[in-house]
C-alpha atoms as a PDB file:
ATOM      1  CA  MET A   1       0.000   0.000   0.000  1.00  0.00           C
ATOM      2  CA  VAL A   2       2.958   2.349   0.467  1.00  0.00           C
ATOM      3  CA  ARG A   3       3.413   2.549  -3.309  1.00  0.00           C
ATOM      4  CA  ALA A   4      -0.193   3.724  -3.636  1.00  0.00           C
ATOM      5  CA  TYR A   5       0.385   6.570  -1.187  1.00  0.00           C
ATOM      6  CA  VAL A   6       3.453   7.631  -3.118  1.00  0.00           C
ATOM      7  CA  LEU A   7       1.460   7.650  -6.363  1.00  0.00           C
ATOM      8  CA  PHE A   8      -0.933  10.056  -4.677  1.00  0.00           C
ATOM      9  CA  VAL A   9       1.717  12.484  -3.524  1.00  0.00           C
ATOM     10  CA  ALA A  10       4.386  12.205  -6.187  1.00  0.00           C
ATOM     11  CA  VAL A  11       2.482  12.124  -9.411  1.00  0.00           C
ATOM     12  CA  VAL A  12      -0.547  14.034  -8.366  1.00  0.00           C
ATOM     13  CA  THR A  13       3.152  13.946  -7.251  1.00  0.00           C
ATOM     14  CA  ALA A  14      -7.665  13.332 -11.301  1.00  0.00           C
ATOM     15  CA  GLY A  15     -16.094  18.054 -11.131  1.00  0.00           C
ATOM     16  CA  ALA A  16     -17.537  15.343 -13.168  1.00  0.00           C
ATOM     17  CA  GLY A  17     -18.365  15.762 -16.853  1.00  0.00           C
ATOM     18  CA  CYS A  18     -19.245  13.751 -19.915  1.00  0.00           C
ATOM     19  CA  ALA A  19     -16.919  10.973 -21.005  1.00  0.00           C
ATOM     20  CA  ILE A  20     -14.599  12.114 -23.758  1.00  0.00           C
ATOM     21  CA  ALA A  21     -12.650  10.095 -26.272  1.00  0.00           C
ATOM     22  CA  VAL A  22      -8.975   9.867 -25.454  1.00  0.00           C
ATOM     23  CA  ARG A  23      -6.972   9.540 -28.640  1.00  0.00           C
ATOM     24  CA  ASP A  24      -3.834  11.102 -27.219  1.00  0.00           C
ATOM     25  CA  ALA A  25      -2.706  12.719 -23.994  1.00  0.00           C
ATOM     26  CA  SER A  26      -4.452  16.040 -24.731  1.00  0.00           C
ATOM     27  CA  SER A  27      -7.241  15.258 -22.256  1.00  0.00           C
ATOM     28  CA  LEU A  28      -4.618  14.846 -19.536  1.00  0.00           C
ATOM     29  CA  VAL A  29      -2.962  18.226 -20.174  1.00  0.00           C
ATOM     30  CA  GLY A  30      -3.573  20.734 -17.400  1.00  0.00           C
ATOM     31  CA  THR A  31      -3.286  20.998 -13.635  1.00  0.00           C
ATOM     32  CA  TRP A  32      -5.002  18.320 -11.569  1.00  0.00           C
ATOM     33  CA  SER A  33      -5.641  18.330  -7.800  1.00  0.00           C
ATOM     34  CA  ALA A  34      -6.047  15.219  -5.712  1.00  0.00           C
ATOM     35  CA  ALA A  35      -9.670  14.932  -4.612  1.00  0.00           C
ATOM     36  CA  GLU A  36      -8.961  12.089  -2.187  1.00  0.00           C
ATOM     37  CA  VAL A  37      -6.175  10.019  -0.679  1.00  0.00           C
ATOM     38  CA  PRO A  38      -5.939   6.324  -1.638  1.00  0.00           C
ATOM     39  CA  PRO A  39      -7.518   4.013   0.977  1.00  0.00           C
ATOM     40  CA  GLY A  40      -5.407   3.701   4.121  1.00  0.00           C
ATOM     41  CA  GLY A  41      -3.066   6.571   3.277  1.00  0.00           C
ATOM     42  CA  PRO A  42      -2.107   9.172   5.838  1.00  0.00           C
ATOM     43  CA  PRO A  43      -3.807  12.536   5.272  1.00  0.00           C
ATOM     44  CA  CYS A  44      -2.021  15.454   3.675  1.00  0.00           C
ATOM     45  CA  LYS A  45      -1.250  18.459   5.813  1.00  0.00           C
ATOM     46  CA  GLY A  46      -1.788  21.657   3.887  1.00  0.00           C
ATOM     47  CA  PRO A  47      -3.202  22.286   0.406  1.00  0.00           C
ATOM     48  CA  ALA A  48      -4.066  19.500  -2.006  1.00  0.00           C
ATOM     49  CA  SER A  49      -1.281  17.889  -3.988  1.00  0.00           C
ATOM     50  CA  THR A  50      -1.260  18.844  -7.647  1.00  0.00           C
ATOM     51  CA  VAL A  51       0.296  17.580 -10.847  1.00  0.00           C
ATOM     52  CA  THR A  52       0.549  19.547 -14.075  1.00  0.00           C
ATOM     53  CA  TYR A  53       0.864  17.658 -17.359  1.00  0.00           C
ATOM     54  CA  THR A  54       1.979  19.670 -20.389  1.00  0.00           C
ATOM     55  CA  ALA A  55       1.492  18.991 -24.102  1.00  0.00           C
ATOM     56  CA  ASP A  56       5.247  18.505 -24.565  1.00  0.00           C
ATOM     57  CA  GLY A  57       5.214  15.343 -22.402  1.00  0.00           C
ATOM     58  CA  THR A  58       6.557  16.817 -19.159  1.00  0.00           C
ATOM     59  CA  PHE A  59       4.999  16.972 -15.705  1.00  0.00           C
ATOM     60  CA  THR A  60       5.502  18.859 -12.455  1.00  0.00           C
ATOM     61  CA  SER A  61       4.092  17.507  -9.210  1.00  0.00           C
ATOM     62  CA  GLU A  62       3.793  19.597  -6.043  1.00  0.00           C
ATOM     63  CA  SER A  63       2.998  18.171  -2.618  1.00  0.00           C
ATOM     64  CA  ALA A  64       3.588  20.584   0.283  1.00  0.00           C
ATOM     65  CA  ASN A  65       7.200  21.731  -0.267  1.00  0.00           C
ATOM     66  CA  GLN A  66       8.124  18.772  -2.479  1.00  0.00           C
ATOM     67  CA  ILE A  67       8.451  19.435  -6.215  1.00  0.00           C
ATOM     68  CA  VAL A  68       9.021  16.566  -8.654  1.00  0.00           C
ATOM     69  CA  THR A  69       9.563  17.013 -12.399  1.00  0.00           C
ATOM     70  CA  GLY A  70       9.819  14.512 -15.211  1.00  0.00           C
ATOM     71  CA  THR A  71       8.389  13.200 -18.439  1.00  0.00           C
ATOM     72  CA  TYR A  72       5.340  11.080 -19.221  1.00  0.00           C
ATOM     73  CA  THR A  73       3.761   9.091 -22.026  1.00  0.00           C
ATOM     74  CA  ALA A  74       0.121   8.071 -22.320  1.00  0.00           C
ATOM     75  CA  ARG A  75      -1.002   4.990 -24.254  1.00  0.00           C
ATOM     76  CA  PRO A  76      -4.745   4.604 -25.017  1.00  0.00           C
ATOM     77  CA  VAL A  77      -6.331   1.560 -23.372  1.00  0.00           C
ATOM     78  CA  THR A  78     -10.039   2.148 -23.989  1.00  0.00           C
ATOM     79  CA  ARG A  79     -12.162   4.956 -25.422  1.00  0.00           C
ATOM     80  CA  ASN A  80     -11.675   7.244 -22.418  1.00  0.00           C
ATOM     81  CA  SER A  81      -8.756   5.737 -20.500  1.00  0.00           C
ATOM     82  CA  PHE A  82      -5.046   5.243 -20.942  1.00  0.00           C
ATOM     83  CA  ARG A  83      -1.919   3.907 -19.249  1.00  0.00           C
ATOM     84  CA  VAL A  84       0.444   6.655 -18.106  1.00  0.00           C
ATOM     85  CA  SER A  85       4.156   5.959 -17.692  1.00  0.00           C
ATOM     86  CA  THR A  86       6.353   8.502 -15.933  1.00  0.00           C
ATOM     87  CA  LYS A  87      10.071   9.059 -15.542  1.00  0.00           C
ATOM     88  CA  VAL A  88      11.289  11.405 -12.810  1.00  0.00           C
ATOM     89  CA  LYS A  89      14.034  13.818 -13.863  1.00  0.00           C
ATOM     90  CA  SER A  90      14.469  15.792 -10.645  1.00  0.00           C
ATOM     91  CA  HIS A  91      13.116  16.618  -7.209  1.00  0.00           C
ATOM     92  CA  ASN A  92      13.969  19.347  -4.739  1.00  0.00           C
ATOM     93  CA  GLY A  93      14.651  17.072  -1.755  1.00  0.00           C
ATOM     94  CA  ALA A  94      11.799  18.436   0.389  1.00  0.00           C
ATOM     95  CA  PRO A  95       9.245  16.208   2.172  1.00  0.00           C
ATOM     96  CA  ASN A  96       5.753  15.797   0.725  1.00  0.00           C
ATOM     97  CA  CYS A  97       2.408  16.723   2.297  1.00  0.00           C
ATOM     98  CA  GLN A  98       2.276  13.416   4.166  1.00  0.00           C
ATOM     99  CA  GLY A  99       5.702  14.043   5.706  1.00  0.00           C
ATOM    100  CA  TYR A 100       7.551  11.452   3.599  1.00  0.00           C
ATOM    101  CA  SER A 101      11.109  12.399   2.602  1.00  0.00           C
ATOM    102  CA  ALA A 102      11.952  12.872  -1.071  1.00  0.00           C
ATOM    103  CA  GLU A 103      14.263   9.851  -0.909  1.00  0.00           C
ATOM    104  CA  TYR A 104      11.431   7.686   0.430  1.00  0.00           C
ATOM    105  CA  VAL A 105       9.024   8.925  -2.241  1.00  0.00           C
ATOM    106  CA  MET A 106      11.538   8.306  -5.038  1.00  0.00           C
ATOM    107  CA  SER A 107      12.331   4.771  -3.812  1.00  0.00           C
ATOM    108  CA  ASN A 108       8.616   3.813  -3.636  1.00  0.00           C
ATOM    109  CA  LEU A 109       7.347   5.679  -6.675  1.00  0.00           C
ATOM    110  CA  VAL A 110       4.692   4.063  -8.861  1.00  0.00           C
ATOM    111  CA  SER A 111       5.861   4.885 -12.382  1.00  0.00           C
ATOM    112  CA  GLU A 112       2.918   3.405 -14.314  1.00  0.00           C
ATOM    113  CA  PHE A 113      -0.799   3.832 -13.640  1.00  0.00           C
ATOM    114  CA  ASP A 114      -4.158   3.857 -15.404  1.00  0.00           C
ATOM    115  CA  VAL A 115      -6.183   7.054 -15.838  1.00  0.00           C
ATOM    116  CA  GLU A 116      -9.820   7.285 -16.904  1.00  0.00           C
ATOM    117  CA  VAL A 117     -10.741  10.865 -17.831  1.00  0.00           C
ATOM    118  CA  ASN A 118     -14.339  12.092 -17.662  1.00  0.00           C
ATOM    119  CA  GLY A 119     -14.373  15.818 -18.384  1.00  0.00           C
ATOM    120  CA  ASN A 120     -12.744  17.564 -15.431  1.00  0.00           C
ATOM    121  CA  SER A 121     -12.520  14.432 -13.311  1.00  0.00           C
ATOM    122  CA  ALA A 122     -10.141  11.500 -13.579  1.00  0.00           C
ATOM    123  CA  ARG A 123      -9.927   8.173 -11.792  1.00  0.00           C
ATOM    124  CA  VAL A 124      -6.359   6.962 -11.219  1.00  0.00           C
ATOM    125  CA  CYS A 125      -5.678   3.280 -10.462  1.00  0.00           C
ATOM    126  CA  VAL A 126      -2.505   1.265  -9.904  1.00  0.00           C
ATOM    127  CA  PRO A 127      -2.672  -1.727 -12.275  1.00  0.00           C
ATOM    128  CA  ASP A 128      -0.653  -4.148 -10.149  1.00  0.00           C
ATOM    129  CA  ILE A 129      -2.284  -3.318  -6.788  1.00  0.00           C
ATOM    130  CA  PRO A 130      -5.999  -4.282  -6.619  1.00  0.00           C
ATOM    131  CA  ASN A 131      -8.494  -1.692  -5.356  1.00  0.00           C
ATOM    132  CA  VAL A 132      -5.982   1.152  -5.136  1.00  0.00           C
ATOM    133  CA  CYS A 133      -7.622   4.105  -6.879  1.00  0.00           C
ATOM    134  CA  PHE A 134      -8.223   7.779  -6.224  1.00  0.00           C
ATOM    135  CA  THR A 135      -9.742  10.725  -8.074  1.00  0.00           C
ATOM    136  CA  MET A 136      -8.284  13.983  -9.341  1.00  0.00           C
ATOM    137  CA  SER A 137     -10.084  17.049 -10.618  1.00  0.00           C
ATOM    138  CA  ARG A 138      -9.204  20.231 -12.463  1.00  0.00           C
END
């Protein structure tokens, strides 16, 4: 379950709307805020964690004082969902909103996850850990 918490803070660090067709990562582009913590995760202290995905395939995640940057790819899985793969390029060494050190977050990072986008809401799930999902919104 630790990997699920790290997904929340490291790559976040995903309003309801109509389902949209995802043909590329354009529906992911923008700034997303975590709407909930995965089940069993410690709460964040402070503002919601956010992740910003850009059209050029880069992301920036902010969780309390922790800032993580990297690149991502999105591969369509179904009409409105895709598998996102990330690669961290840098972090600032600060702890995240749950108090985890940057080193801990980097060593437990989930680098691949599924995202189902429905307008301004997205459901994020870890494919290899059953029942570990959370929502983001923009």
